[in-house]
Amino acid sequence: MKQEMTGGLVLCVMGLGLSFAPPVWLWTLTEKWKTKDGTGPSKSYGILLKSLGVLFAAAGCALAVWGGVSA
Protein backbone atom coordinates (compact mmCIF):
# COMPACT_ATOMS: atom_id res chain seq x y z
CA MET A 1 0.00 0.00 0.00
CA LYS A 2 1.36 3.38 -0.92
CA GLN A 3 2.05 6.14 1.57
CA GLU A 4 -0.60 8.40 0.02
CA MET A 5 -3.28 5.76 0.37
CA THR A 6 -2.29 4.98 3.95
CA GLY A 7 -2.26 8.66 4.90
CA GLY A 8 -5.60 9.16 3.18
CA LEU A 9 -7.17 6.30 5.08
CA VAL A 10 -5.82 7.61 8.38
CA LEU A 11 -7.22 11.08 7.65
CA CYS A 12 -10.54 9.58 6.63
CA VAL A 13 -10.82 7.58 9.86
CA MET A 14 -9.85 10.62 11.94
CA GLY A 15 -12.44 12.72 10.14
CA LEU A 16 -15.18 10.17 10.65
CA GLY A 17 -14.22 9.92 14.31
CA LEU A 18 -14.52 13.68 14.75
CA SER A 19 -17.79 13.76 12.83
CA PHE A 20 -19.55 11.05 14.81
CA ALA A 21 -18.04 11.33 18.29
CA PRO A 22 -20.08 13.35 20.78
CA PRO A 23 -18.44 16.76 21.30
CA VAL A 24 -18.77 16.38 25.09
CA TRP A 25 -16.44 13.36 25.08
CA LEU A 26 -13.73 15.12 23.12
CA TRP A 27 -14.13 18.32 25.12
CA THR A 28 -13.80 16.38 28.38
CA LEU A 29 -10.61 14.70 27.17
CA THR A 30 -8.93 17.79 25.75
CA GLU A 31 -10.38 21.06 27.07
CA LYS A 32 -12.12 20.56 30.43
CA TRP A 33 -8.96 21.08 32.48
CA LYS A 34 -8.62 24.60 31.01
CA THR A 35 -11.89 25.86 32.53
CA LYS A 36 -12.68 26.93 36.08
CA ASP A 37 -16.28 25.74 36.23
CA GLY A 38 -16.22 22.90 33.65
CA THR A 39 -19.74 23.57 32.41
CA GLY A 40 -19.28 21.91 29.01
CA PRO A 41 -18.51 22.77 25.42
CA SER A 42 -20.26 25.55 23.57
CA LYS A 43 -22.39 24.98 20.48
CA SER A 44 -19.69 26.55 18.32
CA TYR A 45 -17.19 23.97 19.62
CA GLY A 46 -19.48 21.18 18.43
CA ILE A 47 -19.98 22.83 15.05
CA LEU A 48 -16.22 23.29 14.67
CA LEU A 49 -15.53 19.62 15.47
CA LYS A 50 -18.15 18.40 13.01
CA SER A 51 -16.86 20.74 10.29
CA LEU A 52 -13.26 19.63 10.82
CA GLY A 53 -14.37 16.01 10.77
CA VAL A 54 -16.08 16.44 7.41
CA LEU A 55 -13.07 18.33 6.04
CA PHE A 56 -10.59 15.66 7.24
CA ALA A 57 -12.76 12.84 5.88
CA ALA A 58 -13.09 14.52 2.48
CA ALA A 59 -9.36 15.27 2.30
CA GLY A 60 -8.51 11.72 3.36
CA CYS A 61 -10.79 10.13 0.79
CA ALA A 62 -9.45 12.41 -1.95
CA LEU A 63 -5.87 11.62 -0.99
CA ALA A 64 -6.55 7.88 -0.89
CA VAL A 65 -8.24 7.92 -4.31
CA TRP A 66 -5.99 10.33 -6.20
CA GLY A 67 -2.84 9.13 -4.45
CA GLY A 68 -3.47 5.63 -5.74
CA VAL A 69 -4.30 6.82 -9.26
CA SER A 70 -1.08 8.76 -9.79
CA ALA A 71 1.04 5.60 -9.68
PDB file of N, CA and C in Angstrom:
ATOM      1  N   MET A   1       0.849  -1.171   0.000  1.00  0.00           N
ATOM      2  CA  MET A   1       0.000   0.000   0.000  1.00  0.00           C
ATOM      3  C   MET A   1       0.894   1.233   0.000  1.00  0.00           C
ATOM      4  N   LYS A   2       0.549   2.167  -0.809  1.00  0.00           N
ATOM      5  CA  LYS A   2       1.362   3.380  -0.921  1.00  0.00           C
ATOM      6  C   LYS A   2       1.157   4.313   0.271  1.00  0.00           C
ATOM      7  N   GLN A   3       2.122   5.192   0.462  1.00  0.00           N
ATOM      8  CA  GLN A   3       2.047   6.139   1.571  1.00  0.00           C
ATOM      9  C   GLN A   3       0.851   7.072   1.431  1.00  0.00           C
ATOM     10  N   GLU A   4       0.528   7.484   0.219  1.00  0.00           N
ATOM     11  CA  GLU A   4      -0.597   8.399   0.023  1.00  0.00           C
ATOM     12  C   GLU A   4      -1.911   7.732   0.407  1.00  0.00           C
ATOM     13  N   MET A   5      -2.045   6.472   0.039  1.00  0.00           N
ATOM     14  CA  MET A   5      -3.276   5.763   0.372  1.00  0.00           C
ATOM     15  C   MET A   5      -3.391   5.527   1.875  1.00  0.00           C
ATOM     16  N   THR A   6      -2.285   5.194   2.507  1.00  0.00           N
ATOM     17  CA  THR A   6      -2.294   4.981   3.952  1.00  0.00           C
ATOM     18  C   THR A   6      -2.620   6.280   4.688  1.00  0.00           C
ATOM     19  N   GLY A   7      -1.977   7.362   4.286  1.00  0.00           N
ATOM     20  CA  GLY A   7      -2.264   8.661   4.896  1.00  0.00           C
ATOM     21  C   GLY A   7      -3.703   9.087   4.668  1.00  0.00           C
ATOM     22  N   GLY A   8      -4.215   8.827   3.478  1.00  0.00           N
ATOM     23  CA  GLY A   8      -5.599   9.164   3.176  1.00  0.00           C
ATOM     24  C   GLY A   8      -6.573   8.385   4.037  1.00  0.00           C
ATOM     25  N   LEU A   9      -6.293   7.110   4.235  1.00  0.00           N
ATOM     26  CA  LEU A   9      -7.171   6.300   5.078  1.00  0.00           C
ATOM     27  C   LEU A   9      -7.123   6.747   6.534  1.00  0.00           C
ATOM     28  N   VAL A  10      -5.942   7.116   6.997  1.00  0.00           N
ATOM     29  CA  VAL A  10      -5.819   7.609   8.377  1.00  0.00           C
ATOM     30  C   VAL A  10      -6.606   8.903   8.547  1.00  0.00           C
ATOM     31  N   LEU A  11      -6.465   9.831   7.587  1.00  0.00           N
ATOM     32  CA  LEU A  11      -7.220  11.082   7.653  1.00  0.00           C
ATOM     33  C   LEU A  11      -8.721  10.831   7.595  1.00  0.00           C
ATOM     34  N   CYS A  12      -9.113   9.891   6.764  1.00  0.00           N
ATOM     35  CA  CYS A  12     -10.538   9.581   6.631  1.00  0.00           C
ATOM     36  C   CYS A  12     -11.101   9.030   7.946  1.00  0.00           C
ATOM     37  N   VAL A  13     -10.374   8.136   8.584  1.00  0.00           N
ATOM     38  CA  VAL A  13     -10.824   7.577   9.863  1.00  0.00           C
ATOM     39  C   VAL A  13     -10.858   8.653  10.948  1.00  0.00           C
ATOM     40  N   MET A  14      -9.852   9.517  10.966  1.00  0.00           N
ATOM     41  CA  MET A  14      -9.852  10.618  11.937  1.00  0.00           C
ATOM     42  C   MET A  14     -11.047  11.539  11.713  1.00  0.00           C
ATOM     43  N   GLY A  15     -11.317  11.848  10.465  1.00  0.00           N
ATOM     44  CA  GLY A  15     -12.441  12.720  10.143  1.00  0.00           C
ATOM     45  C   GLY A  15     -13.773  12.113  10.544  1.00  0.00           C
ATOM     46  N   LEU A  16     -13.934  10.823  10.261  1.00  0.00           N
ATOM     47  CA  LEU A  16     -15.184  10.171  10.654  1.00  0.00           C
ATOM     48  C   LEU A  16     -15.314  10.103  12.168  1.00  0.00           C
ATOM     49  N   GLY A  17     -14.188   9.916  12.847  1.00  0.00           N
ATOM     50  CA  GLY A  17     -14.218   9.920  14.310  1.00  0.00           C
ATOM     51  C   GLY A  17     -14.644  11.268  14.868  1.00  0.00           C
ATOM     52  N   LEU A  18     -14.128  12.341  14.297  1.00  0.00           N
ATOM     53  CA  LEU A  18     -14.522  13.679  14.746  1.00  0.00           C
ATOM     54  C   LEU A  18     -15.977  13.981  14.396  1.00  0.00           C
ATOM     55  N   SER A  19     -16.432  13.470  13.269  1.00  0.00           N
ATOM     56  CA  SER A  19     -17.793  13.755  12.832  1.00  0.00           C
ATOM     57  C   SER A  19     -18.841  13.061  13.696  1.00  0.00           C
ATOM     58  N   PHE A  20     -18.532  11.838  14.121  1.00  0.00           N
ATOM     59  CA  PHE A  20     -19.551  11.051  14.809  1.00  0.00           C
ATOM     60  C   PHE A  20     -19.373  10.966  16.324  1.00  0.00           C
ATOM     61  N   ALA A  21     -18.238  11.362  16.841  1.00  0.00           N
ATOM     62  CA  ALA A  21     -18.036  11.335  18.288  1.00  0.00           C
ATOM     63  C   ALA A  21     -18.796  12.493  18.941  1.00  0.00           C
ATOM     64  N   PRO A  22     -19.410  12.255  20.084  1.00  0.00           N
ATOM     65  CA  PRO A  22     -20.084  13.348  20.782  1.00  0.00           C
ATOM     66  C   PRO A  22     -19.078  14.421  21.208  1.00  0.00           C
ATOM     67  N   PRO A  23     -19.369  15.688  20.939  1.00  0.00           N
ATOM     68  CA  PRO A  23     -18.436  16.761  21.300  1.00  0.00           C
ATOM     69  C   PRO A  23     -18.104  16.801  22.785  1.00  0.00           C
ATOM     70  N   VAL A  24     -19.019  16.356  23.634  1.00  0.00           N
ATOM     71  CA  VAL A  24     -18.770  16.380  25.085  1.00  0.00           C
ATOM     72  C   VAL A  24     -17.619  15.441  25.442  1.00  0.00           C
ATOM     73  N   TRP A  25     -17.533  14.290  24.803  1.00  0.00           N
ATOM     74  CA  TRP A  25     -16.441  13.355  25.076  1.00  0.00           C
ATOM     75  C   TRP A  25     -15.095  13.981  24.736  1.00  0.00           C
ATOM     76  N   LEU A  26     -15.001  14.536  23.544  1.00  0.00           N
ATOM     77  CA  LEU A  26     -13.734  15.122  23.117  1.00  0.00           C
ATOM     78  C   LEU A  26     -13.383  16.348  23.947  1.00  0.00           C
ATOM     79  N   TRP A  27     -14.379  17.146  24.299  1.00  0.00           N
ATOM     80  CA  TRP A  27     -14.134  18.321  25.120  1.00  0.00           C
ATOM     81  C   TRP A  27     -13.627  17.899  26.504  1.00  0.00           C
ATOM     82  N   THR A  28     -14.225  16.855  27.067  1.00  0.00           N
ATOM     83  CA  THR A  28     -13.801  16.380  28.379  1.00  0.00           C
ATOM     84  C   THR A  28     -12.356  15.900  28.351  1.00  0.00           C
ATOM     85  N   LEU A  29     -11.971  15.220  27.277  1.00  0.00           N
ATOM     86  CA  LEU A  29     -10.609  14.696  27.173  1.00  0.00           C
ATOM     87  C   LEU A  29      -9.573  15.791  26.934  1.00  0.00           C
ATOM     88  N   THR A  30      -9.952  16.839  26.197  1.00  0.00           N
ATOM     89  CA  THR A  30      -8.932  17.792  25.752  1.00  0.00           C
ATOM     90  C   THR A  30      -9.029  19.189  26.355  1.00  0.00           C
ATOM     91  N   GLU A  31     -10.210  19.654  26.708  1.00  0.00           N
ATOM     92  CA  GLU A  31     -10.381  21.061  27.070  1.00  0.00           C
ATOM     93  C   GLU A  31     -10.911  21.312  28.475  1.00  0.00           C
ATOM     94  N   LYS A  32     -11.465  20.323  29.142  1.00  0.00           N
ATOM     95  CA  LYS A  32     -12.117  20.556  30.432  1.00  0.00           C
ATOM     96  C   LYS A  32     -11.155  21.111  31.473  1.00  0.00           C
ATOM     97  N   TRP A  33      -9.931  20.647  31.471  1.00  0.00           N
ATOM     98  CA  TRP A  33      -8.963  21.079  32.478  1.00  0.00           C
ATOM     99  C   TRP A  33      -8.614  22.559  32.356  1.00  0.00           C
ATOM    100  N   LYS A  34      -8.941  23.187  31.224  1.00  0.00           N
ATOM    101  CA  LYS A  34      -8.618  24.601  31.013  1.00  0.00           C
ATOM    102  C   LYS A  34      -9.675  25.539  31.588  1.00  0.00           C
ATOM    103  N   THR A  35     -10.818  25.018  32.029  1.00  0.00           N
ATOM    104  CA  THR A  35     -11.893  25.862  32.532  1.00  0.00           C
ATOM    105  C   THR A  35     -11.942  25.827  34.054  1.00  0.00           C
ATOM    106  N   LYS A  36     -12.527  26.876  34.622  1.00  0.00           N
ATOM    107  CA  LYS A  36     -12.676  26.925  36.079  1.00  0.00           C
ATOM    108  C   LYS A  36     -13.923  26.173  36.525  1.00  0.00           C
ATOM    109  N   ASP A  37     -15.028  26.345  35.795  1.00  0.00           N
ATOM    110  CA  ASP A  37     -16.276  25.742  36.227  1.00  0.00           C
ATOM    111  C   ASP A  37     -16.592  24.429  35.509  1.00  0.00           C
ATOM    112  N   GLY A  38     -16.012  24.157  34.365  1.00  0.00           N
ATOM    113  CA  GLY A  38     -16.218  22.899  33.652  1.00  0.00           C
ATOM    114  C   GLY A  38     -17.647  22.652  33.248  1.00  0.00           C
ATOM    115  N   THR A  39     -18.327  23.691  32.730  1.00  0.00           N
ATOM    116  CA  THR A  39     -19.740  23.568  32.411  1.00  0.00           C
ATOM    117  C   THR A  39     -20.018  22.786  31.131  1.00  0.00           C
ATOM    118  N   GLY A  40     -19.069  22.665  30.250  1.00  0.00           N
ATOM    119  CA  GLY A  40     -19.276  21.905  29.015  1.00  0.00           C
ATOM    120  C   GLY A  40     -18.932  22.738  27.794  1.00  0.00           C
ATOM    121  N   PRO A  41     -18.890  22.075  26.644  1.00  0.00           N
ATOM    122  CA  PRO A  41     -18.515  22.769  25.417  1.00  0.00           C
ATOM    123  C   PRO A  41     -19.647  23.658  24.898  1.00  0.00           C
ATOM    124  N   SER A  42     -19.258  24.677  24.171  1.00  0.00           N
ATOM    125  CA  SER A  42     -20.257  25.547  23.571  1.00  0.00           C
ATOM    126  C   SER A  42     -20.779  24.921  22.275  1.00  0.00           C
ATOM    127  N   LYS A  43     -21.837  25.476  21.740  1.00  0.00           N
ATOM    128  CA  LYS A  43     -22.393  24.977  20.483  1.00  0.00           C
ATOM    129  C   LYS A  43     -21.410  25.189  19.337  1.00  0.00           C
ATOM    130  N   SER A  44     -20.664  26.293  19.377  1.00  0.00           N
ATOM    131  CA  SER A  44     -19.691  26.552  18.316  1.00  0.00           C
ATOM    132  C   SER A  44     -18.558  25.532  18.344  1.00  0.00           C
ATOM    133  N   TYR A  45     -18.206  25.014  19.516  1.00  0.00           N
ATOM    134  CA  TYR A  45     -17.186  23.966  19.617  1.00  0.00           C
ATOM    135  C   TYR A  45     -17.665  22.707  18.900  1.00  0.00           C
ATOM    136  N   GLY A  46     -18.912  22.345  19.106  1.00  0.00           N
ATOM    137  CA  GLY A  46     -19.480  21.177  18.431  1.00  0.00           C
ATOM    138  C   GLY A  46     -19.540  21.361  16.925  1.00  0.00           C
ATOM    139  N   ILE A  47     -19.923  22.550  16.486  1.00  0.00           N
ATOM    140  CA  ILE A  47     -19.981  22.830  15.054  1.00  0.00           C
ATOM    141  C   ILE A  47     -18.582  22.773  14.442  1.00  0.00           C
ATOM    142  N   LEU A  48     -17.602  23.319  15.148  1.00  0.00           N
ATOM    143  CA  LEU A  48     -16.224  23.292  14.668  1.00  0.00           C
ATOM    144  C   LEU A  48     -15.711  21.853  14.544  1.00  0.00           C
ATOM    145  N   LEU A  49     -15.984  21.009  15.536  1.00  0.00           N
ATOM    146  CA  LEU A  49     -15.532  19.622  15.471  1.00  0.00           C
ATOM    147  C   LEU A  49     -16.176  18.880  14.305  1.00  0.00           C
ATOM    148  N   LYS A  50     -17.462  19.072  14.119  1.00  0.00           N
ATOM    149  CA  LYS A  50     -18.153  18.396  13.014  1.00  0.00           C
ATOM    150  C   LYS A  50     -17.617  18.890  11.666  1.00  0.00           C
ATOM    151  N   SER A  51     -17.382  20.181  11.544  1.00  0.00           N
ATOM    152  CA  SER A  51     -16.855  20.739  10.294  1.00  0.00           C
ATOM    153  C   SER A  51     -15.456  20.210  10.002  1.00  0.00           C
ATOM    154  N   LEU A  52     -14.606  20.176  11.009  1.00  0.00           N
ATOM    155  CA  LEU A  52     -13.259  19.630  10.819  1.00  0.00           C
ATOM    156  C   LEU A  52     -13.302  18.145  10.483  1.00  0.00           C
ATOM    157  N   GLY A  53     -14.226  17.433  11.073  1.00  0.00           N
ATOM    158  CA  GLY A  53     -14.367  16.014  10.770  1.00  0.00           C
ATOM    159  C   GLY A  53     -14.742  15.781   9.319  1.00  0.00           C
ATOM    160  N   VAL A  54     -15.683  16.560   8.818  1.00  0.00           N
ATOM    161  CA  VAL A  54     -16.077  16.441   7.408  1.00  0.00           C
ATOM    162  C   VAL A  54     -14.920  16.824   6.500  1.00  0.00           C
ATOM    163  N   LEU A  55     -14.204  17.881   6.855  1.00  0.00           N
ATOM    164  CA  LEU A  55     -13.066  18.326   6.042  1.00  0.00           C
ATOM    165  C   LEU A  55     -11.960  17.268   6.017  1.00  0.00           C
ATOM    166  N   PHE A  56     -11.615  16.707   7.179  1.00  0.00           N
ATOM    167  CA  PHE A  56     -10.595  15.663   7.237  1.00  0.00           C
ATOM    168  C   PHE A  56     -11.021  14.419   6.457  1.00  0.00           C
ATOM    169  N   ALA A  57     -12.280  14.029   6.595  1.00  0.00           N
ATOM    170  CA  ALA A  57     -12.757  12.842   5.882  1.00  0.00           C
ATOM    171  C   ALA A  57     -12.711  13.059   4.372  1.00  0.00           C
ATOM    172  N   ALA A  58     -13.125  14.233   3.917  1.00  0.00           N
ATOM    173  CA  ALA A  58     -13.088  14.522   2.481  1.00  0.00           C
ATOM    174  C   ALA A  58     -11.652  14.560   1.965  1.00  0.00           C
ATOM    175  N   ALA A  59     -10.766  15.201   2.711  1.00  0.00           N
ATOM    176  CA  ALA A  59      -9.361  15.268   2.296  1.00  0.00           C
ATOM    177  C   ALA A  59      -8.728  13.875   2.305  1.00  0.00           C
ATOM    178  N   GLY A  60      -9.053  13.070   3.288  1.00  0.00           N
ATOM    179  CA  GLY A  60      -8.507  11.725   3.359  1.00  0.00           C
ATOM    180  C   GLY A  60      -8.980  10.841   2.226  1.00  0.00           C
ATOM    181  N   CYS A  61     -10.273  10.919   1.908  1.00  0.00           N
ATOM    182  CA  CYS A  61     -10.794  10.126   0.785  1.00  0.00           C
ATOM    183  C   CYS A  61     -10.178  10.581  -0.532  1.00  0.00           C
ATOM    184  N   ALA A  62     -10.056  11.884  -0.714  1.00  0.00           N
ATOM    185  CA  ALA A  62      -9.448  12.407  -1.948  1.00  0.00           C
ATOM    186  C   ALA A  62      -8.000  11.967  -2.055  1.00  0.00           C
ATOM    187  N   LEU A  63      -7.267  12.026  -0.964  1.00  0.00           N
ATOM    188  CA  LEU A  63      -5.865  11.621  -0.988  1.00  0.00           C
ATOM    189  C   LEU A  63      -5.734  10.125  -1.271  1.00  0.00           C
ATOM    190  N   ALA A  64      -6.606   9.318  -0.678  1.00  0.00           N
ATOM    191  CA  ALA A  64      -6.545   7.877  -0.892  1.00  0.00           C
ATOM    192  C   ALA A  64      -6.865   7.533  -2.352  1.00  0.00           C
ATOM    193  N   VAL A  65      -7.849   8.220  -2.929  1.00  0.00           N
ATOM    194  CA  VAL A  65      -8.239   7.918  -4.311  1.00  0.00           C
ATOM    195  C   VAL A  65      -7.215   8.453  -5.284  1.00  0.00           C
ATOM    196  N   TRP A  66      -6.895   9.733  -5.221  1.00  0.00           N
ATOM    197  CA  TRP A  66      -5.989  10.326  -6.197  1.00  0.00           C
ATOM    198  C   TRP A  66      -4.523   9.957  -5.950  1.00  0.00           C
ATOM    199  N   GLY A  67      -4.194   9.610  -4.735  1.00  0.00           N
ATOM    200  CA  GLY A  67      -2.838   9.132  -4.454  1.00  0.00           C
ATOM    201  C   GLY A  67      -2.578   7.768  -5.074  1.00  0.00           C
ATOM    202  N   GLY A  68      -3.608   6.936  -5.116  1.00  0.00           N
ATOM    203  CA  GLY A  68      -3.470   5.626  -5.735  1.00  0.00           C
ATOM    204  C   GLY A  68      -3.524   5.669  -7.246  1.00  0.00           C
ATOM    205  N   VAL A  69      -4.173   6.691  -7.807  1.00  0.00           N
ATOM    206  CA  VAL A  69      -4.304   6.815  -9.258  1.00  0.00           C
ATOM    207  C   VAL A  69      -3.023   7.298  -9.891  1.00  0.00           C
ATOM    208  N   SER A  70      -2.268   8.124  -9.195  1.00  0.00           N
ATOM    209  CA  SER A  70      -1.083   8.756  -9.789  1.00  0.00           C
ATOM    210  C   SER A  70       0.102   7.805  -9.924  1.00  0.00           C
ATOM    211  N   ALA A  71      -0.082   6.546  -9.607  1.00  0.00           N
ATOM    212  CA  ALA A  71       1.041   5.595  -9.681  1.00  0.00           C
ATOM    213  C   ALA A  71       1.485   5.309 -11.084  1.00  0.00           C
TER     214      ALA A  71
END
